[in-house]
Amino acid sequence: MEPKWWRQLEKNVQEKVADVNSPAVQRFIRESFKRNKFTSALMLFALLTPSAFLLSFYSSKFASVWENWRDPYELPPGFDPKTGQFVLDDAPKRRAELPQALVLKTVPGK
């Protein structure tokens, strides 16, 4: 024999399960679906707005970046990779001159 509290618990569970098919619960479920649709649409808008902004921004900058792009591995003009020497007389300097502010023995501001 089952205890009384167990039978009461089963009865309560059956009543709750039976209430799922009631019109009030069905109306609540339909309204929650409507809220979920609205929330989903709002989240979609929140995700698409920044992505559309970034896409338009970078696509407008693409042409200018493409025009100014330079291959970072391109050899300097007049450099012969076989000999390792510059062929042209107007070849760029091998070493860049440091600005005065970066030389260690100078005092900045003078």
PDB file of N, CA and C in Angstrom:
ATOM      1  N   MET A   1       0.808  -1.178   0.000  1.00  0.00           N
ATOM      2  CA  MET A   1       0.000   0.000   0.000  1.00  0.00           C
ATOM      3  C   MET A   1       0.866   1.262   0.000  1.00  0.00           C
ATOM      4  N   GLU A   2       0.447   2.216  -0.792  1.00  0.00           N
ATOM      5  CA  GLU A   2       1.205   3.456  -0.899  1.00  0.00           C
ATOM      6  C   GLU A   2       0.811   4.415   0.216  1.00  0.00           C
ATOM      7  N   PRO A   3       1.758   5.205   0.648  1.00  0.00           N
ATOM      8  CA  PRO A   3       1.410   6.194   1.673  1.00  0.00           C
ATOM      9  C   PRO A   3       0.469   7.255   1.102  1.00  0.00           C
ATOM     10  N   LYS A   4      -0.225   7.889   1.996  1.00  0.00           N
ATOM     11  CA  LYS A   4      -1.225   8.877   1.596  1.00  0.00           C
ATOM     12  C   LYS A   4      -0.569  10.082   0.895  1.00  0.00           C
ATOM     13  N   TRP A   5       0.567  10.513   1.394  1.00  0.00           N
ATOM     14  CA  TRP A   5       1.223  11.683   0.805  1.00  0.00           C
ATOM     15  C   TRP A   5       1.673  11.407  -0.628  1.00  0.00           C
ATOM     16  N   TRP A   6       2.036  10.131  -0.916  1.00  0.00           N
ATOM     17  CA  TRP A   6       2.460   9.764  -2.267  1.00  0.00           C
ATOM     18  C   TRP A   6       1.282   9.830  -3.237  1.00  0.00           C
ATOM     19  N   ARG A   7       0.122   9.342  -2.786  1.00  0.00           N
ATOM     20  CA  ARG A   7      -1.071   9.403  -3.635  1.00  0.00           C
ATOM     21  C   ARG A   7      -1.490  10.851  -3.890  1.00  0.00           C
ATOM     22  N   GLN A   8      -1.345  11.675  -2.851  1.00  0.00           N
ATOM     23  CA  GLN A   8      -1.679  13.094  -3.010  1.00  0.00           C
ATOM     24  C   GLN A   8      -0.727  13.770  -4.013  1.00  0.00           C
ATOM     25  N   LEU A   9       0.525  13.406  -3.932  1.00  0.00           N
ATOM     26  CA  LEU A   9       1.512  13.956  -4.859  1.00  0.00           C
ATOM     27  C   LEU A   9       1.207  13.536  -6.297  1.00  0.00           C
ATOM     28  N   GLU A  10       0.874  12.269  -6.494  1.00  0.00           N
ATOM     29  CA  GLU A  10       0.522  11.800  -7.835  1.00  0.00           C
ATOM     30  C   GLU A  10      -0.720  12.501  -8.361  1.00  0.00           C
ATOM     31  N   LYS A  11      -1.670  12.728  -7.494  1.00  0.00           N
ATOM     32  CA  LYS A  11      -2.900  13.409  -7.891  1.00  0.00           C
ATOM     33  C   LYS A  11      -2.598  14.850  -8.314  1.00  0.00           C
ATOM     34  N   ASN A  12      -1.730  15.519  -7.548  1.00  0.00           N
ATOM     35  CA  ASN A  12      -1.364  16.895  -7.901  1.00  0.00           C
ATOM     36  C   ASN A  12      -0.638  16.948  -9.243  1.00  0.00           C
ATOM     37  N   VAL A  13       0.230  15.980  -9.471  1.00  0.00           N
ATOM     38  CA  VAL A  13       0.960  15.940 -10.739  1.00  0.00           C
ATOM     39  C   VAL A  13      -0.008  15.706 -11.887  1.00  0.00           C
ATOM     40  N   GLN A  14      -0.944  14.809 -11.723  1.00  0.00           N
ATOM     41  CA  GLN A  14      -1.915  14.536 -12.780  1.00  0.00           C
ATOM     42  C   GLN A  14      -2.786  15.752 -13.057  1.00  0.00           C
ATOM     43  N   GLU A  15      -3.143  16.492 -12.004  1.00  0.00           N
ATOM     44  CA  GLU A  15      -3.936  17.704 -12.203  1.00  0.00           C
ATOM     45  C   GLU A  15      -3.134  18.754 -12.974  1.00  0.00           C
ATOM     46  N   LYS A  16      -1.869  18.873 -12.647  1.00  0.00           N
ATOM     47  CA  LYS A  16      -1.038  19.850 -13.348  1.00  0.00           C
ATOM     48  C   LYS A  16      -0.867  19.464 -14.813  1.00  0.00           C
ATOM     49  N   VAL A  17      -0.674  18.188 -15.073  1.00  0.00           N
ATOM     50  CA  VAL A  17      -0.532  17.732 -16.446  1.00  0.00           C
ATOM     51  C   VAL A  17      -1.837  17.928 -17.198  1.00  0.00           C
ATOM     52  N   ALA A  18      -2.943  17.705 -16.545  1.00  0.00           N
ATOM     53  CA  ALA A  18      -4.240  17.888 -17.186  1.00  0.00           C
ATOM     54  C   ALA A  18      -4.496  19.361 -17.470  1.00  0.00           C
ATOM     55  N   ASP A  19      -3.945  20.255 -16.658  1.00  0.00           N
ATOM     56  CA  ASP A  19      -4.157  21.683 -16.857  1.00  0.00           C
ATOM     57  C   ASP A  19      -3.444  22.218 -18.092  1.00  0.00           C
ATOM     58  N   VAL A  20      -2.483  21.490 -18.605  1.00  0.00           N
ATOM     59  CA  VAL A  20      -1.754  21.955 -19.780  1.00  0.00           C
ATOM     60  C   VAL A  20      -2.688  22.091 -20.970  1.00  0.00           C
ATOM     61  N   ASN A  21      -3.696  21.290 -21.053  1.00  0.00           N
ATOM     62  CA  ASN A  21      -4.630  21.334 -22.171  1.00  0.00           C
ATOM     63  C   ASN A  21      -5.761  22.332 -21.969  1.00  0.00           C
ATOM     64  N   SER A  22      -5.790  23.024 -20.856  1.00  0.00           N
ATOM     65  CA  SER A  22      -6.869  23.986 -20.613  1.00  0.00           C
ATOM     66  C   SER A  22      -6.683  25.214 -21.511  1.00  0.00           C
ATOM     67  N   PRO A  23      -7.767  25.922 -21.826  1.00  0.00           N
ATOM     68  CA  PRO A  23      -7.673  27.096 -22.710  1.00  0.00           C
ATOM     69  C   PRO A  23      -6.783  28.211 -22.147  1.00  0.00           C
ATOM     70  N   ALA A  24      -6.793  28.397 -20.838  1.00  0.00           N
ATOM     71  CA  ALA A  24      -5.973  29.465 -20.246  1.00  0.00           C
ATOM     72  C   ALA A  24      -4.489  29.185 -20.462  1.00  0.00           C
ATOM     73  N   VAL A  25      -4.113  27.941 -20.282  1.00  0.00           N
ATOM     74  CA  VAL A  25      -2.709  27.586 -20.469  1.00  0.00           C
ATOM     75  C   VAL A  25      -2.326  27.680 -21.945  1.00  0.00           C
ATOM     76  N   GLN A  26      -3.211  27.259 -22.823  1.00  0.00           N
ATOM     77  CA  GLN A  26      -2.936  27.358 -24.255  1.00  0.00           C
ATOM     78  C   GLN A  26      -2.764  28.820 -24.682  1.00  0.00           C
ATOM     79  N   ARG A  27      -3.593  29.703 -24.122  1.00  0.00           N
ATOM     80  CA  ARG A  27      -3.478  31.128 -24.426  1.00  0.00           C
ATOM     81  C   ARG A  27      -2.130  31.671 -23.929  1.00  0.00           C
ATOM     82  N   PHE A  28      -1.727  31.237 -22.729  1.00  0.00           N
ATOM     83  CA  PHE A  28      -0.443  31.665 -22.175  1.00  0.00           C
ATOM     84  C   PHE A  28       0.713  31.204 -23.062  1.00  0.00           C
ATOM     85  N   ILE A  29       0.628  29.977 -23.550  1.00  0.00           N
ATOM     86  CA  ILE A  29       1.684  29.440 -24.414  1.00  0.00           C
ATOM     87  C   ILE A  29       1.751  30.222 -25.722  1.00  0.00           C
ATOM     88  N   ARG A  30       0.575  30.541 -26.307  1.00  0.00           N
ATOM     89  CA  ARG A  30       0.564  31.323 -27.548  1.00  0.00           C
ATOM     90  C   ARG A  30       1.160  32.713 -27.337  1.00  0.00           C
ATOM     91  N   GLU A  31       0.830  33.346 -26.221  1.00  0.00           N
ATOM     92  CA  GLU A  31       1.378  34.675 -25.931  1.00  0.00           C
ATOM     93  C   GLU A  31       2.890  34.611 -25.710  1.00  0.00           C
ATOM     94  N   SER A  32       3.351  33.542 -25.061  1.00  0.00           N
ATOM     95  CA  SER A  32       4.799  33.424 -24.858  1.00  0.00           C
ATOM     96  C   SER A  32       5.511  33.212 -26.190  1.00  0.00           C
ATOM     97  N   PHE A  33       4.862  32.505 -27.129  1.00  0.00           N
ATOM     98  CA  PHE A  33       5.450  32.357 -28.458  1.00  0.00           C
ATOM     99  C   PHE A  33       5.539  33.706 -29.165  1.00  0.00           C
ATOM    100  N   LYS A  34       4.505  34.534 -29.004  1.00  0.00           N
ATOM    101  CA  LYS A  34       4.539  35.864 -29.614  1.00  0.00           C
ATOM    102  C   LYS A  34       5.667  36.686 -29.017  1.00  0.00           C
ATOM    103  N   ARG A  35       5.843  36.623 -27.708  1.00  0.00           N
ATOM    104  CA  ARG A  35       6.938  37.353 -27.068  1.00  0.00           C
ATOM    105  C   ARG A  35       8.284  36.817 -27.546  1.00  0.00           C
ATOM    106  N   ASN A  36       8.380  35.512 -27.701  1.00  0.00           N
ATOM    107  CA  ASN A  36       9.632  34.930 -28.181  1.00  0.00           C
ATOM    108  C   ASN A  36       9.936  35.379 -29.610  1.00  0.00           C
ATOM    109  N   LYS A  37       8.899  35.506 -30.443  1.00  0.00           N
ATOM    110  CA  LYS A  37       9.113  35.985 -31.811  1.00  0.00           C
ATOM    111  C   LYS A  37       9.599  37.427 -31.792  1.00  0.00           C
ATOM    112  N   PHE A  38       8.984  38.248 -30.946  1.00  0.00           N
ATOM    113  CA  PHE A  38       9.396  39.650 -30.844  1.00  0.00           C
ATOM    114  C   PHE A  38      10.830  39.744 -30.340  1.00  0.00           C
ATOM    115  N   THR A  39      11.160  38.950 -29.331  1.00  0.00           N
ATOM    116  CA  THR A  39      12.518  38.965 -28.790  1.00  0.00           C
ATOM    117  C   THR A  39      13.515  38.484 -29.838  1.00  0.00           C
ATOM    118  N   SER A  40      13.148  37.473 -30.586  1.00  0.00           N
ATOM    119  CA  SER A  40      14.038  36.978 -31.638  1.00  0.00           C
ATOM    120  C   SER A  40      14.255  38.043 -32.712  1.00  0.00           C
ATOM    121  N   ALA A  41      13.186  38.730 -33.082  1.00  0.00           N
ATOM    122  CA  ALA A  41      13.323  39.796 -34.078  1.00  0.00           C
ATOM    123  C   ALA A  41      14.187  40.929 -33.541  1.00  0.00           C
ATOM    124  N   LEU A  42      14.026  41.262 -32.282  1.00  0.00           N
ATOM    125  CA  LEU A  42      14.835  42.316 -31.670  1.00  0.00           C
ATOM    126  C   LEU A  42      16.309  41.921 -31.618  1.00  0.00           C
ATOM    127  N   MET A  43      16.589  40.681 -31.264  1.00  0.00           N
ATOM    128  CA  MET A  43      17.974  40.208 -31.227  1.00  0.00           C
ATOM    129  C   MET A  43      18.577  40.181 -32.636  1.00  0.00           C
ATOM    130  N   LEU A  44      17.790  39.781 -33.613  1.00  0.00           N
ATOM    131  CA  LEU A  44      18.267  39.776 -34.993  1.00  0.00           C
ATOM    132  C   LEU A  44      18.615  41.194 -35.440  1.00  0.00           C
ATOM    133  N   PHE A  45      17.772  42.146 -35.091  1.00  0.00           N
ATOM    134  CA  PHE A  45      18.040  43.550 -35.408  1.00  0.00           C
ATOM    135  C   PHE A  45      19.301  44.034 -34.706  1.00  0.00           C
ATOM    136  N   ALA A  46      19.466  43.628 -33.446  1.00  0.00           N
ATOM    137  CA  ALA A  46      20.645  44.049 -32.678  1.00  0.00           C
ATOM    138  C   ALA A  46      21.927  43.457 -33.251  1.00  0.00           C
ATOM    139  N   LEU A  47      21.852  42.306 -33.871  1.00  0.00           N
ATOM    140  CA  LEU A  47      23.038  41.703 -34.475  1.00  0.00           C
ATOM    141  C   LEU A  47      23.313  42.231 -35.883  1.00  0.00           C
ATOM    142  N   LEU A  48      22.259  42.485 -36.643  1.00  0.00           N
ATOM    143  CA  LEU A  48      22.447  42.891 -38.031  1.00  0.00           C
ATOM    144  C   LEU A  48      22.841  44.356 -38.178  1.00  0.00           C
ATOM    145  N   THR A  49      22.398  45.208 -37.264  1.00  0.00           N
ATOM    146  CA  THR A  49      22.705  46.636 -37.386  1.00  0.00           C
ATOM    147  C   THR A  49      24.208  46.913 -37.321  1.00  0.00           C
ATOM    148  N   PRO A  50      24.927  46.441 -36.293  1.00  0.00           N
ATOM    149  CA  PRO A  50      26.375  46.699 -36.291  1.00  0.00           C
ATOM    150  C   PRO A  50      27.106  46.008 -37.438  1.00  0.00           C
ATOM    151  N   SER A  51      26.670  44.814 -37.790  1.00  0.00           N
ATOM    152  CA  SER A  51      27.357  44.119 -38.884  1.00  0.00           C
ATOM    153  C   SER A  51      27.131  44.842 -40.212  1.00  0.00           C
ATOM    154  N   ALA A  52      25.937  45.394 -40.428  1.00  0.00           N
ATOM    155  CA  ALA A  52      25.690  46.156 -41.655  1.00  0.00           C
ATOM    156  C   ALA A  52      26.519  47.434 -41.662  1.00  0.00           C
ATOM    157  N   PHE A  53      26.633  48.084 -40.519  1.00  0.00           N
ATOM    158  CA  PHE A  53      27.454  49.295 -40.427  1.00  0.00           C
ATOM    159  C   PHE A  53      28.915  48.980 -40.733  1.00  0.00           C
ATOM    160  N   LEU A  54      29.446  47.928 -40.122  1.00  0.00           N
ATOM    161  CA  LEU A  54      30.846  47.570 -40.356  1.00  0.00           C
ATOM    162  C   LEU A  54      31.082  47.159 -41.806  1.00  0.00           C
ATOM    163  N   LEU A  55      30.151  46.424 -42.371  1.00  0.00           N
ATOM    164  CA  LEU A  55      30.284  46.003 -43.763  1.00  0.00           C
ATOM    165  C   LEU A  55      30.311  47.207 -44.696  1.00  0.00           C
ATOM    166  N   SER A  56      29.418  48.171 -44.480  1.00  0.00           N
ATOM    167  CA  SER A  56      29.412  49.356 -45.345  1.00  0.00           C
ATOM    168  C   SER A  56      30.673  50.187 -45.139  1.00  0.00           C
ATOM    169  N   PHE A  57      31.139  50.297 -43.910  1.00  0.00           N
ATOM    170  CA  PHE A  57      32.340  51.082 -43.625  1.00  0.00           C
ATOM    171  C   PHE A  57      33.562  50.479 -44.306  1.00  0.00           C
ATOM    172  N   TYR A  58      33.770  49.176 -44.125  1.00  0.00           N
ATOM    173  CA  TYR A  58      34.955  48.548 -44.702  1.00  0.00           C
ATOM    174  C   TYR A  58      34.869  48.431 -46.218  1.00  0.00           C
ATOM    175  N   SER A  59      33.684  48.277 -46.751  1.00  0.00           N
ATOM    176  CA  SER A  59      33.582  48.218 -48.210  1.00  0.00           C
ATOM    177  C   SER A  59      33.861  49.584 -48.826  1.00  0.00           C
ATOM    178  N   SER A  60      33.523  50.676 -48.122  1.00  0.00           N
ATOM    179  CA  SER A  60      33.846  52.003 -48.653  1.00  0.00           C
ATOM    180  C   SER A  60      35.346  52.278 -48.572  1.00  0.00           C
ATOM    181  N   LYS A  61      36.023  51.701 -47.595  1.00  0.00           N
ATOM    182  CA  LYS A  61      37.465  51.907 -47.451  1.00  0.00           C
ATOM    183  C   LYS A  61      38.282  50.958 -48.329  1.00  0.00           C
ATOM    184  N   PHE A  62      37.655  49.930 -48.860  1.00  0.00           N
ATOM    185  CA  PHE A  62      38.374  48.895 -49.595  1.00  0.00           C
ATOM    186  C   PHE A  62      39.109  49.455 -50.810  1.00  0.00           C
ATOM    187  N   ALA A  63      38.466  50.347 -51.555  1.00  0.00           N
ATOM    188  CA  ALA A  63      39.084  50.874 -52.780  1.00  0.00           C
ATOM    189  C   ALA A  63      40.348  51.658 -52.461  1.00  0.00           C
ATOM    190  N   SER A  64      40.302  52.507 -51.450  1.00  0.00           N
ATOM    191  CA  SER A  64      41.494  53.306 -51.132  1.00  0.00           C
ATOM    192  C   SER A  64      42.609  52.431 -50.566  1.00  0.00           C
ATOM    193  N   VAL A  65      42.250  51.424 -49.810  1.00  0.00           N
ATOM    194  CA  VAL A  65      43.271  50.517 -49.279  1.00  0.00           C
ATOM    195  C   VAL A  65      43.898  49.717 -50.416  1.00  0.00           C
ATOM    196  N   TRP A  66      43.098  49.283 -51.353  1.00  0.00           N
ATOM    197  CA  TRP A  66      43.610  48.494 -52.470  1.00  0.00           C
ATOM    198  C   TRP A  66      44.544  49.321 -53.354  1.00  0.00           C
ATOM    199  N   GLU A  67      44.237  50.617 -53.535  1.00  0.00           N
ATOM    200  CA  GLU A  67      45.104  51.479 -54.345  1.00  0.00           C
ATOM    201  C   GLU A  67      46.459  51.691 -53.675  1.00  0.00           C
ATOM    202  N   ASN A  68      46.468  51.851 -52.372  1.00  0.00           N
ATOM    203  CA  ASN A  68      47.704  52.167 -51.652  1.00  0.00           C
ATOM    204  C   ASN A  68      48.445  50.929 -51.161  1.00  0.00           C
ATOM    205  N   TRP A  69      47.926  49.752 -51.455  1.00  0.00           N
ATOM    206  CA  TRP A  69      48.550  48.535 -50.947  1.00  0.00           C
ATOM    207  C   TRP A  69      49.869  48.289 -51.657  1.00  0.00           C
ATOM    208  N   ARG A  70      50.853  47.855 -50.898  1.00  0.00           N
ATOM    209  CA  ARG A  70      52.178  47.557 -51.438  1.00  0.00           C
ATOM    210  C   ARG A  70      52.623  46.236 -50.827  1.00  0.00           C
ATOM    211  N   ASP A  71      53.260  45.419 -51.634  1.00  0.00           N
ATOM    212  CA  ASP A  71      53.710  44.109 -51.173  1.00  0.00           C
ATOM    213  C   ASP A  71      54.836  44.291 -50.153  1.00  0.00           C
ATOM    214  N   PRO A  72      54.670  43.792 -48.930  1.00  0.00           N
ATOM    215  CA  PRO A  72      55.716  43.985 -47.924  1.00  0.00           C
ATOM    216  C   PRO A  72      56.976  43.170 -48.213  1.00  0.00           C
ATOM    217  N   TYR A  73      56.870  42.159 -49.047  1.00  0.00           N
ATOM    218  CA  TYR A  73      58.026  41.321 -49.361  1.00  0.00           C
ATOM    219  C   TYR A  73      58.680  41.692 -50.689  1.00  0.00           C
ATOM    220  N   GLU A  74      58.218  42.763 -51.295  1.00  0.00           N
ATOM    221  CA  GLU A  74      58.781  43.188 -52.574  1.00  0.00           C
ATOM    222  C   GLU A  74      60.197  43.726 -52.357  1.00  0.00           C
ATOM    223  N   LEU A  75      61.103  43.327 -53.237  1.00  0.00           N
ATOM    224  CA  LEU A  75      62.488  43.794 -53.142  1.00  0.00           C
ATOM    225  C   LEU A  75      62.569  45.255 -53.573  1.00  0.00           C
ATOM    226  N   PRO A  76      63.499  46.013 -53.008  1.00  0.00           N
ATOM    227  CA  PRO A  76      63.636  47.413 -53.411  1.00  0.00           C
ATOM    228  C   PRO A  76      64.057  47.510 -54.875  1.00  0.00           C
ATOM    229  N   PRO A  77      63.730  48.612 -55.527  1.00  0.00           N
ATOM    230  CA  PRO A  77      64.092  48.731 -56.947  1.00  0.00           C
ATOM    231  C   PRO A  77      65.609  48.767 -57.122  1.00  0.00           C
ATOM    232  N   GLY A  78      66.074  48.023 -58.104  1.00  0.00           N
ATOM    233  CA  GLY A  78      67.501  47.987 -58.397  1.00  0.00           C
ATOM    234  C   GLY A  78      68.272  46.951 -57.609  1.00  0.00           C
ATOM    235  N   PHE A  79      67.630  46.150 -56.804  1.00  0.00           N
ATOM    236  CA  PHE A  79      68.322  45.149 -55.997  1.00  0.00           C
ATOM    237  C   PHE A  79      68.353  43.834 -56.754  1.00  0.00           C
ATOM    238  N   ASP A  80      69.531  43.245 -56.864  1.00  0.00           N
ATOM    239  CA  ASP A  80      69.691  41.958 -57.538  1.00  0.00           C
ATOM    240  C   ASP A  80      69.769  40.873 -56.468  1.00  0.00           C
ATOM    241  N   PRO A  81      68.784  39.989 -56.379  1.00  0.00           N
ATOM    242  CA  PRO A  81      68.800  38.983 -55.321  1.00  0.00           C
ATOM    243  C   PRO A  81      69.889  37.925 -55.510  1.00  0.00           C
ATOM    244  N   LYS A  82      70.376  37.750 -56.733  1.00  0.00           N
ATOM    245  CA  LYS A  82      71.410  36.735 -56.963  1.00  0.00           C
ATOM    246  C   LYS A  82      72.754  37.173 -56.386  1.00  0.00           C
ATOM    247  N   THR A  83      73.080  38.449 -56.574  1.00  0.00           N
ATOM    248  CA  THR A  83      74.361  38.948 -56.059  1.00  0.00           C
ATOM    249  C   THR A  83      74.228  39.567 -54.682  1.00  0.00           C
ATOM    250  N   GLY A  84      73.026  39.995 -54.327  1.00  0.00           N
ATOM    251  CA  GLY A  84      72.829  40.647 -53.040  1.00  0.00           C
ATOM    252  C   GLY A  84      73.276  42.091 -53.045  1.00  0.00           C
ATOM    253  N   GLN A  85      73.453  42.680 -54.217  1.00  0.00           N
ATOM    254  CA  GLN A  85      73.924  44.060 -54.356  1.00  0.00           C
ATOM    255  C   GLN A  85      72.897  44.871 -55.141  1.00  0.00           C
ATOM    256  N   PHE A  86      72.997  46.187 -54.964  1.00  0.00           N
ATOM    257  CA  PHE A  86      72.163  47.088 -55.749  1.00  0.00           C
ATOM    258  C   PHE A  86      72.834  47.332 -57.091  1.00  0.00           C
ATOM    259  N   VAL A  87      72.063  47.246 -58.150  1.00  0.00           N
ATOM    260  CA  VAL A  87      72.580  47.410 -59.500  1.00  0.00           C
ATOM    261  C   VAL A  87      72.570  48.879 -59.896  1.00  0.00           C
ATOM    262  N   LEU A  88      71.556  49.596 -59.526  1.00  0.00           N
ATOM    263  CA  LEU A  88      71.412  50.995 -59.930  1.00  0.00           C
ATOM    264  C   LEU A  88      72.252  51.905 -59.042  1.00  0.00           C
ATOM    265  N   ASP A  89      72.660  53.042 -59.603  1.00  0.00           N
ATOM    266  CA  ASP A  89      73.432  54.008 -58.829  1.00  0.00           C
ATOM    267  C   ASP A  89      72.556  54.782 -57.854  1.00  0.00           C
ATOM    268  N   ASP A  90      71.303  54.971 -58.220  1.00  0.00           N
ATOM    269  CA  ASP A  90      70.407  55.726 -57.344  1.00  0.00           C
ATOM    270  C   ASP A  90      69.665  54.799 -56.368  1.00  0.00           C
ATOM    271  N   ALA A  91      70.323  53.764 -55.941  1.00  0.00           N
ATOM    272  CA  ALA A  91      69.721  52.796 -55.016  1.00  0.00           C
ATOM    273  C   ALA A  91      69.497  53.459 -53.654  1.00  0.00           C
ATOM    274  N   PRO A  92      68.513  53.016 -52.934  1.00  0.00           N
ATOM    275  CA  PRO A  92      68.262  53.608 -51.616  1.00  0.00           C
ATOM    276  C   PRO A  92      69.392  53.286 -50.646  1.00  0.00           C
ATOM    277  N   LYS A  93      69.526  54.124 -49.635  1.00  0.00           N
ATOM    278  CA  LYS A  93      70.570  53.904 -48.635  1.00  0.00           C
ATOM    279  C   LYS A  93      70.288  52.606 -47.894  1.00  0.00           C
ATOM    280  N   ARG A  94      71.344  51.949 -47.490  1.00  0.00           N
ATOM    281  CA  ARG A  94      71.169  50.686 -46.776  1.00  0.00           C
ATOM    282  C   ARG A  94      70.720  50.922 -45.343  1.00  0.00           C
ATOM    283  N   ARG A  95      71.094  52.043 -44.803  1.00  0.00           N
ATOM    284  CA  ARG A  95      70.782  52.294 -43.405  1.00  0.00           C
ATOM    285  C   ARG A  95      70.035  53.611 -43.299  1.00  0.00           C
ATOM    286  N   ALA A  96      68.988  53.618 -42.530  1.00  0.00           N
ATOM    287  CA  ALA A  96      68.214  54.843 -42.356  1.00  0.00           C
ATOM    288  C   ALA A  96      68.877  55.724 -41.311  1.00  0.00           C
ATOM    289  N   GLU A  97      68.821  57.015 -41.531  1.00  0.00           N
ATOM    290  CA  GLU A  97      69.368  57.964 -40.570  1.00  0.00           C
ATOM    291  C   GLU A  97      68.374  58.141 -39.431  1.00  0.00           C
ATOM    292  N   LEU A  98      68.880  58.099 -38.215  1.00  0.00           N
ATOM    293  CA  LEU A  98      68.016  58.283 -37.060  1.00  0.00           C
ATOM    294  C   LEU A  98      67.750  59.759 -36.835  1.00  0.00           C
ATOM    295  N   PRO A  99      66.557  60.117 -36.430  1.00  0.00           N
ATOM    296  CA  PRO A  99      66.291  61.511 -36.102  1.00  0.00           C
ATOM    297  C   PRO A  99      67.103  61.927 -34.880  1.00  0.00           C
ATOM    298  N   GLN A 100      67.339  63.220 -34.739  1.00  0.00           N
ATOM    299  CA  GLN A 100      68.177  63.726 -33.662  1.00  0.00           C
ATOM    300  C   GLN A 100      67.632  63.360 -32.286  1.00  0.00           C
ATOM    301  N   ALA A 101      66.326  63.284 -32.151  1.00  0.00           N
ATOM    302  CA  ALA A 101      65.745  63.004 -30.838  1.00  0.00           C
ATOM    303  C   ALA A 101      66.022  61.576 -30.398  1.00  0.00           C
ATOM    304  N   LEU A 102      66.329  60.681 -31.317  1.00  0.00           N
ATOM    305  CA  LEU A 102      66.540  59.284 -30.962  1.00  0.00           C
ATOM    306  C   LEU A 102      68.007  58.933 -30.742  1.00  0.00           C
ATOM    307  N   VAL A 103      68.908  59.832 -31.061  1.00  0.00           N
ATOM    308  CA  VAL A 103      70.324  59.573 -30.829  1.00  0.00           C
ATOM    309  C   VAL A 103      70.583  59.694 -29.336  1.00  0.00           C
ATOM    310  N   LEU A 104      71.365  58.775 -28.783  1.00  0.00           N
ATOM    311  CA  LEU A 104      71.500  58.697 -27.330  1.00  0.00           C
ATOM    312  C   LEU A 104      72.224  59.886 -26.703  1.00  0.00           C
ATOM    313  N   LYS A 105      73.172  60.476 -27.393  1.00  0.00           N
ATOM    314  CA  LYS A 105      73.983  61.522 -26.769  1.00  0.00           C
ATOM    315  C   LYS A 105      73.348  62.904 -26.847  1.00  0.00           C
ATOM    316  N   THR A 106      72.242  63.035 -27.533  1.00  0.00           N
ATOM    317  CA  THR A 106      71.616  64.352 -27.636  1.00  0.00           C
ATOM    318  C   THR A 106      70.591  64.532 -26.529  1.00  0.00           C
ATOM    319  N   VAL A 107      70.363  65.769 -26.187  1.00  0.00           N
ATOM    320  CA  VAL A 107      69.369  66.102 -25.169  1.00  0.00           C
ATOM    321  C   VAL A 107      68.113  66.565 -25.896  1.00  0.00           C
ATOM    322  N   PRO A 108      66.960  65.979 -25.568  1.00  0.00           N
ATOM    323  CA  PRO A 108      65.732  66.392 -26.249  1.00  0.00           C
ATOM    324  C   PRO A 108      65.401  67.850 -25.946  1.00  0.00           C
ATOM    325  N   GLY A 109      64.891  68.553 -26.931  1.00  0.00           N
ATOM    326  CA  GLY A 109      64.461  69.925 -26.749  1.00  0.00           C
ATOM    327  C   GLY A 109      65.528  70.953 -27.025  1.00  0.00           C
ATOM    328  N   LYS A 110      66.739  70.559 -27.344  1.00  0.00           N
ATOM    329  CA  LYS A 110      67.809  71.536 -27.619  1.00  0.00           C
ATOM    330  C   LYS A 110      68.168  71.526 -29.069  1.00  0.00           C
TER     331      LYS A 110
END
